[in-house]
Amino acid sequence: MLPGCIDAGTAVTAGAGAMLQDVFEREDVNLAEKNYAAADYLVQQISAFVPKSAPISVQPLTLVAEPEITSELGQKIPEQVGARLMQLGYNVYLDETVPGAVKGVAMTRKEPRFILGGTYETNRRDVPINLRMVNASSGKVVGSFDYVLPRYGELRELSES
């Protein structure tokens, strides 16, 4: 390919990356939109390691300062990321005890091959988040994405519950 020329696939990927980056720079974006964008970034890393058919378990994020505490925020973020992964064709399941799980829907219970989880912190202004996709048998991290959400409105309420 000649210097300065790109193919259509590269242009689409570059355009998607630019749009995703914009989501994290704007403070007016809702929580679901940012978490879906985080899932899209994560997929760029895991696609070579995680087959879409592999069972993925979604675990609540833990608060760095108090790992034994799980807030609504710690449940909602991976739930939304998992929902986006499902939209993209991945085999994600939530436990029925997790908010957002579909009650009464029989889920095929296989041992997860991968686990979506991570940590978050809170301070007065924002919420730093670290998402990780881990191979359940080896413990190897196959993808991770760090991002920061402004702590106001819905996010403030969820992080305090």
C-alpha atoms as a PDB file:
ATOM      1  CA  MET A   1       0.000   0.000   0.000  1.00  0.00           C
ATOM      2  CA  LEU A   2       1.305   3.472  -0.827  1.00  0.00           C
ATOM      3  CA  PRO A   3       2.322   5.775   2.036  1.00  0.00           C
ATOM      4  CA  GLY A   4      -0.604   7.933   3.095  1.00  0.00           C
ATOM      5  CA  CYS A   5      -3.165   5.455   1.763  1.00  0.00           C
ATOM      6  CA  ILE A   6      -5.394   3.400   4.012  1.00  0.00           C
ATOM      7  CA  ASP A   7      -7.855   0.687   3.242  1.00  0.00           C
ATOM      8  CA  ALA A   8     -11.552   0.868   4.136  1.00  0.00           C
ATOM      9  CA  GLY A   9     -11.117  -1.403   7.186  1.00  0.00           C
ATOM     10  CA  THR A  10      -8.434   0.829   8.644  1.00  0.00           C
ATOM     11  CA  ALA A  11     -10.555   3.917   8.041  1.00  0.00           C
ATOM     12  CA  VAL A  12     -13.544   2.360   9.805  1.00  0.00           C
ATOM     13  CA  THR A  13     -11.435   1.211  12.759  1.00  0.00           C
ATOM     14  CA  ALA A  14      -9.715   4.579  13.064  1.00  0.00           C
ATOM     15  CA  GLY A  15     -13.058   6.369  12.902  1.00  0.00           C
ATOM     16  CA  ALA A  16     -14.553   4.133  15.588  1.00  0.00           C
ATOM     17  CA  GLY A  17     -11.536   4.718  17.825  1.00  0.00           C
ATOM     18  CA  ALA A  18     -11.863   8.475  17.436  1.00  0.00           C
ATOM     19  CA  MET A  19     -15.576   8.342  18.276  1.00  0.00           C
ATOM     20  CA  LEU A  20     -14.890   6.185  21.347  1.00  0.00           C
ATOM     21  CA  GLN A  21     -12.199   8.577  22.550  1.00  0.00           C
ATOM     22  CA  ASP A  22     -14.689  11.453  22.266  1.00  0.00           C
ATOM     23  CA  VAL A  23     -17.097   9.625  24.593  1.00  0.00           C
ATOM     24  CA  PHE A  24     -14.528   9.741  27.402  1.00  0.00           C
ATOM     25  CA  GLU A  25     -13.656  13.395  26.881  1.00  0.00           C
ATOM     26  CA  ARG A  26     -17.243  14.655  27.132  1.00  0.00           C
ATOM     27  CA  GLU A  27     -18.726  14.967  30.610  1.00  0.00           C
ATOM     28  CA  ASP A  28     -22.333  15.051  29.372  1.00  0.00           C
ATOM     29  CA  VAL A  29     -22.369  11.383  28.289  1.00  0.00           C
ATOM     30  CA  ASN A  30     -24.530   9.016  30.305  1.00  0.00           C
ATOM     31  CA  LEU A  31     -23.142   6.091  32.308  1.00  0.00           C
ATOM     32  CA  ALA A  32     -24.352   3.371  29.926  1.00  0.00           C
ATOM     33  CA  GLU A  33     -22.782   5.118  26.933  1.00  0.00           C
ATOM     34  CA  LYS A  34     -19.376   5.308  28.620  1.00  0.00           C
ATOM     35  CA  ASN A  35     -19.545   1.693  29.783  1.00  0.00           C
ATOM     36  CA  TYR A  36     -20.550   0.506  26.302  1.00  0.00           C
ATOM     37  CA  ALA A  37     -17.592   2.434  24.874  1.00  0.00           C
ATOM     38  CA  ALA A  38     -15.335   0.804  27.487  1.00  0.00           C
ATOM     39  CA  ALA A  39     -16.614  -2.600  26.325  1.00  0.00           C
ATOM     40  CA  ASP A  40     -15.796  -1.663  22.730  1.00  0.00           C
ATOM     41  CA  TYR A  41     -12.223  -0.802  23.756  1.00  0.00           C
ATOM     42  CA  LEU A  42     -11.945  -4.066  25.694  1.00  0.00           C
ATOM     43  CA  VAL A  43     -13.144  -6.083  22.680  1.00  0.00           C
ATOM     44  CA  GLN A  44     -10.294  -4.659  20.606  1.00  0.00           C
ATOM     45  CA  GLN A  45      -7.894  -6.367  23.039  1.00  0.00           C
ATOM     46  CA  ILE A  46      -9.697  -9.631  23.754  1.00  0.00           C
ATOM     47  CA  SER A  47     -10.883 -10.607  20.280  1.00  0.00           C
ATOM     48  CA  ALA A  48      -7.701 -12.622  19.599  1.00  0.00           C
ATOM     49  CA  PHE A  49      -7.899 -14.458  22.956  1.00  0.00           C
ATOM     50  CA  VAL A  50     -11.600 -14.866  23.760  1.00  0.00           C
ATOM     51  CA  PRO A  51     -13.765 -16.865  21.353  1.00  0.00           C
ATOM     52  CA  LYS A  52     -17.299 -15.493  21.189  1.00  0.00           C
ATOM     53  CA  SER A  53     -18.617 -18.920  22.235  1.00  0.00           C
ATOM     54  CA  ALA A  54     -16.510 -19.036  25.439  1.00  0.00           C
ATOM     55  CA  PRO A  55     -18.581 -18.542  28.620  1.00  0.00           C
ATOM     56  CA  ILE A  56     -17.801 -15.215  30.318  1.00  0.00           C
ATOM     57  CA  SER A  57     -18.810 -14.622  33.929  1.00  0.00           C
ATOM     58  CA  VAL A  58     -19.481 -11.038  35.006  1.00  0.00           C
ATOM     59  CA  GLN A  59     -18.295 -10.184  38.517  1.00  0.00           C
ATOM     60  CA  PRO A  60     -18.988  -6.964  40.450  1.00  0.00           C
ATOM     61  CA  LEU A  61     -16.167  -4.436  40.580  1.00  0.00           C
ATOM     62  CA  THR A  62     -14.532  -4.118  43.972  1.00  0.00           C
ATOM     63  CA  LEU A  63     -13.782  -0.866  45.738  1.00  0.00           C
ATOM     64  CA  VAL A  64      -9.984  -0.565  46.058  1.00  0.00           C
ATOM     65  CA  ALA A  65     -10.088   0.878  49.589  1.00  0.00           C
ATOM     66  CA  GLU A  66     -12.642  -1.682  50.843  1.00  0.00           C
ATOM     67  CA  PRO A  67     -12.588  -4.840  48.668  1.00  0.00           C
ATOM     68  CA  GLU A  68     -15.300  -6.548  50.730  1.00  0.00           C
ATOM     69  CA  ILE A  69     -17.829  -3.824  49.819  1.00  0.00           C
ATOM     70  CA  THR A  70     -19.806  -3.901  46.587  1.00  0.00           C
ATOM     71  CA  SER A  71     -21.902  -0.842  45.797  1.00  0.00           C
ATOM     72  CA  GLU A  72     -24.624  -0.502  43.183  1.00  0.00           C
ATOM     73  CA  LEU A  73     -21.996   1.179  41.025  1.00  0.00           C
ATOM     74  CA  GLY A  74     -19.694  -1.834  41.374  1.00  0.00           C
ATOM     75  CA  GLN A  75     -22.518  -4.000  40.035  1.00  0.00           C
ATOM     76  CA  LYS A  76     -23.898  -1.673  37.375  1.00  0.00           C
ATOM     77  CA  ILE A  77     -20.648  -1.016  35.484  1.00  0.00           C
ATOM     78  CA  PRO A  78     -19.774  -4.671  34.692  1.00  0.00           C
ATOM     79  CA  GLU A  79     -23.464  -5.384  34.041  1.00  0.00           C
ATOM     80  CA  GLN A  80     -23.522  -2.708  31.325  1.00  0.00           C
ATOM     81  CA  VAL A  81     -20.154  -3.796  29.910  1.00  0.00           C
ATOM     82  CA  GLY A  82     -21.432  -7.386  29.856  1.00  0.00           C
ATOM     83  CA  ALA A  83     -24.620  -6.287  28.087  1.00  0.00           C
ATOM     84  CA  ARG A  84     -22.541  -4.653  25.364  1.00  0.00           C
ATOM     85  CA  LEU A  85     -20.390  -7.770  25.010  1.00  0.00           C
ATOM     86  CA  MET A  86     -23.607  -9.781  24.552  1.00  0.00           C
ATOM     87  CA  GLN A  87     -24.713  -7.357  21.819  1.00  0.00           C
ATOM     88  CA  LEU A  88     -21.383  -8.010  20.109  1.00  0.00           C
ATOM     89  CA  GLY A  89     -22.024 -11.771  20.166  1.00  0.00           C
ATOM     90  CA  TYR A  90     -20.075 -12.895  23.235  1.00  0.00           C
ATOM     91  CA  ASN A  91     -21.428 -15.626  25.537  1.00  0.00           C
ATOM     92  CA  VAL A  92     -21.887 -13.552  28.699  1.00  0.00           C
ATOM     93  CA  TYR A  93     -23.983 -14.593  31.663  1.00  0.00           C
ATOM     94  CA  LEU A  94     -25.058 -12.866  34.824  1.00  0.00           C
ATOM     95  CA  ASP A  95     -26.074 -14.599  38.017  1.00  0.00           C
ATOM     96  CA  GLU A  96     -29.819 -14.089  38.725  1.00  0.00           C
ATOM     97  CA  THR A  97     -28.856 -12.456  42.018  1.00  0.00           C
ATOM     98  CA  VAL A  98     -27.059  -9.678  40.149  1.00  0.00           C
ATOM     99  CA  PRO A  99     -29.238  -6.641  39.345  1.00  0.00           C
ATOM    100  CA  GLY A 100     -30.094  -6.606  35.650  1.00  0.00           C
ATOM    101  CA  ALA A 101     -30.045 -10.378  35.225  1.00  0.00           C
ATOM    102  CA  VAL A 102     -33.092 -11.742  33.452  1.00  0.00           C
ATOM    103  CA  LYS A 103     -35.171 -13.521  36.085  1.00  0.00           C
ATOM    104  CA  GLY A 104     -36.596 -16.893  35.128  1.00  0.00           C
ATOM    105  CA  VAL A 105     -34.460 -17.303  32.016  1.00  0.00           C
ATOM    106  CA  ALA A 106     -32.566 -20.579  32.126  1.00  0.00           C
ATOM    107  CA  MET A 107     -28.909 -19.868  31.528  1.00  0.00           C
ATOM    108  CA  THR A 108     -26.628 -22.634  30.336  1.00  0.00           C
ATOM    109  CA  ARG A 109     -24.337 -23.120  33.308  1.00  0.00           C
ATOM    110  CA  LYS A 110     -20.874 -23.893  32.117  1.00  0.00           C
ATOM    111  CA  GLU A 111     -17.731 -23.144  33.997  1.00  0.00           C
ATOM    112  CA  PRO A 112     -16.653 -19.709  32.821  1.00  0.00           C
ATOM    113  CA  ARG A 113     -13.538 -19.662  30.673  1.00  0.00           C
ATOM    114  CA  PHE A 114     -13.161 -15.930  31.227  1.00  0.00           C
ATOM    115  CA  ILE A 115     -14.111 -13.530  34.007  1.00  0.00           C
ATOM    116  CA  LEU A 116     -14.980  -9.866  33.547  1.00  0.00           C
ATOM    117  CA  GLY A 117     -14.250  -7.881  36.685  1.00  0.00           C
ATOM    118  CA  GLY A 118     -12.030  -5.188  38.066  1.00  0.00           C
ATOM    119  CA  THR A 119     -11.793  -2.399  40.586  1.00  0.00           C
ATOM    120  CA  TYR A 120     -12.878   1.181  41.092  1.00  0.00           C
ATOM    121  CA  GLU A 121     -12.058   4.046  43.409  1.00  0.00           C
ATOM    122  CA  THR A 122     -13.990   7.118  44.425  1.00  0.00           C
ATOM    123  CA  ASN A 123     -12.860  10.583  45.331  1.00  0.00           C
ATOM    124  CA  ARG A 124     -14.599  13.941  45.457  1.00  0.00           C
ATOM    125  CA  ARG A 125     -14.405  14.598  41.707  1.00  0.00           C
ATOM    126  CA  ASP A 126     -14.279  11.338  39.809  1.00  0.00           C
ATOM    127  CA  VAL A 127     -14.362   7.538  39.755  1.00  0.00           C
ATOM    128  CA  PRO A 128     -11.299   5.791  38.261  1.00  0.00           C
ATOM    129  CA  ILE A 129     -12.259   2.352  36.898  1.00  0.00           C
ATOM    130  CA  ASN A 130     -10.088  -0.629  35.942  1.00  0.00           C
ATOM    131  CA  LEU A 131     -11.834  -3.340  33.893  1.00  0.00           C
ATOM    132  CA  ARG A 132     -10.134  -6.688  33.337  1.00  0.00           C
ATOM    133  CA  MET A 133     -10.898  -9.827  31.370  1.00  0.00           C
ATOM    134  CA  VAL A 134      -9.099 -12.767  32.969  1.00  0.00           C
ATOM    135  CA  ASN A 135      -8.623 -16.335  31.752  1.00  0.00           C
ATOM    136  CA  ALA A 136     -10.353 -18.333  34.510  1.00  0.00           C
ATOM    137  CA  SER A 137      -8.010 -21.333  34.344  1.00  0.00           C
ATOM    138  CA  SER A 138      -4.653 -19.554  34.114  1.00  0.00           C
ATOM    139  CA  GLY A 139      -5.413 -16.249  35.848  1.00  0.00           C
ATOM    140  CA  LYS A 140      -3.792 -14.417  32.930  1.00  0.00           C
ATOM    141  CA  VAL A 141      -5.239 -11.000  32.111  1.00  0.00           C
ATOM    142  CA  VAL A 142      -6.176 -11.085  28.416  1.00  0.00           C
ATOM    143  CA  GLY A 143      -7.493  -7.525  28.260  1.00  0.00           C
ATOM    144  CA  SER A 144      -7.881  -4.465  30.448  1.00  0.00           C
ATOM    145  CA  PHE A 145      -9.144  -0.947  30.121  1.00  0.00           C
ATOM    146  CA  ASP A 146      -8.834   1.967  32.545  1.00  0.00           C
ATOM    147  CA  TYR A 147     -11.107   4.976  32.395  1.00  0.00           C
ATOM    148  CA  VAL A 148     -12.386   7.758  34.639  1.00  0.00           C
ATOM    149  CA  LEU A 149     -15.982   8.861  35.100  1.00  0.00           C
ATOM    150  CA  PRO A 150     -16.935  12.231  36.604  1.00  0.00           C
ATOM    151  CA  ARG A 151     -18.581  11.751  40.008  1.00  0.00           C
ATOM    152  CA  TYR A 152     -21.844  13.648  39.769  1.00  0.00           C
ATOM    153  CA  GLY A 153     -25.566  12.909  39.506  1.00  0.00           C
ATOM    154  CA  GLU A 154     -26.350   9.216  39.062  1.00  0.00           C
ATOM    155  CA  LEU A 155     -22.727   8.221  39.558  1.00  0.00           C
ATOM    156  CA  ARG A 156     -22.491   9.972  42.927  1.00  0.00           C
ATOM    157  CA  GLU A 157     -25.671   8.237  44.123  1.00  0.00           C
ATOM    158  CA  LEU A 158     -24.559   4.800  42.914  1.00  0.00           C
ATOM    159  CA  SER A 159     -21.095   5.085  44.461  1.00  0.00           C
ATOM    160  CA  GLU A 160     -22.548   6.013  47.852  1.00  0.00           C
ATOM    161  CA  SER A 161     -25.026   3.119  48.035  1.00  0.00           C
END
